[in-house]
């Protein structure tokens, strides 16, 4: 069971560790700000943390 966001992020980092980093690298804070401006709303904090600390997406891809 995952009790908190930090544990989820840790597990995601472990799970994605075997994939080449350049497939889906982390994004910058500026990328987040730009995306939120384009979307017109703030992204959820957990999603921001995943994009900033783990990767920018591609989860579940084979």
Protein backbone atom coordinates (compact mmCIF):
# COMPACT_ATOMS: atom_id res chain seq x y z
CA UNK A 1 0.00 0.00 0.00
CA UNK A 2 1.21 3.49 -0.84
CA UNK A 3 0.72 5.83 2.11
CA UNK A 4 1.89 9.13 0.66
CA UNK A 5 2.94 11.01 -2.45
CA UNK A 6 6.65 10.69 -1.68
CA UNK A 7 6.38 6.89 -1.59
CA UNK A 8 4.46 6.88 -4.88
CA UNK A 9 7.14 9.03 -6.52
CA UNK A 10 9.88 6.76 -5.14
CA UNK A 11 8.15 3.69 -6.58
CA UNK A 12 7.63 5.38 -9.94
CA UNK A 13 11.33 6.24 -10.09
CA UNK A 14 12.20 2.60 -9.41
CA UNK A 15 9.66 1.34 -11.95
CA UNK A 16 10.92 3.63 -14.70
CA UNK A 17 14.61 3.21 -13.91
CA UNK A 18 15.12 0.54 -16.60
CA UNK A 19 13.78 2.77 -19.41
CA UNK A 20 16.12 5.08 -21.32
CA UNK A 21 15.92 8.51 -19.67
CA UNK A 22 15.68 10.39 -22.94
CA UNK A 23 12.39 8.68 -23.86
CA UNK A 24 10.49 10.78 -21.34
CA UNK A 25 12.80 13.05 -19.32
CA UNK A 26 11.66 15.28 -16.49
CA UNK A 27 10.35 18.71 -17.37
CA UNK A 28 11.46 22.09 -16.06
CA UNK A 29 9.47 24.36 -13.77
CA UNK A 30 9.12 26.71 -16.75
CA UNK A 31 7.53 23.87 -18.75
CA UNK A 32 4.96 23.43 -15.98
CA UNK A 33 4.22 27.17 -15.84
CA UNK A 34 3.88 27.30 -19.63
CA UNK A 35 1.58 24.28 -19.72
CA UNK A 36 -0.64 25.69 -16.98
CA UNK A 37 -0.87 29.01 -18.82
CA UNK A 38 -1.83 27.22 -22.01
CA UNK A 39 -4.37 25.03 -20.23
CA UNK A 40 -5.79 27.87 -18.17
CA UNK A 41 -5.61 26.02 -14.86
CA UNK A 42 -3.06 24.63 -12.40
CA UNK A 43 -2.02 21.02 -12.58
CA UNK A 44 -2.55 18.92 -9.44
CA UNK A 45 0.49 19.01 -7.12
CA UNK A 46 1.13 15.26 -7.39
CA UNK A 47 1.13 15.41 -11.19
CA UNK A 48 3.56 18.33 -11.11
CA UNK A 49 5.86 16.37 -8.81
CA UNK A 50 5.80 13.37 -11.13
CA UNK A 51 6.61 15.50 -14.17
CA UNK A 52 9.38 17.35 -12.30
CA UNK A 53 10.94 14.40 -10.47
CA UNK A 54 10.20 11.22 -12.41
CA UNK A 55 9.37 11.73 -16.10
CA UNK A 56 7.07 13.71 -18.32
CA UNK A 57 4.71 10.86 -19.12
CA UNK A 58 4.70 7.65 -21.05
CA UNK A 59 3.68 5.57 -18.06
CA UNK A 60 2.23 2.22 -19.10
CA UNK A 61 3.86 2.28 -22.55
CA UNK A 62 5.35 -0.97 -23.73
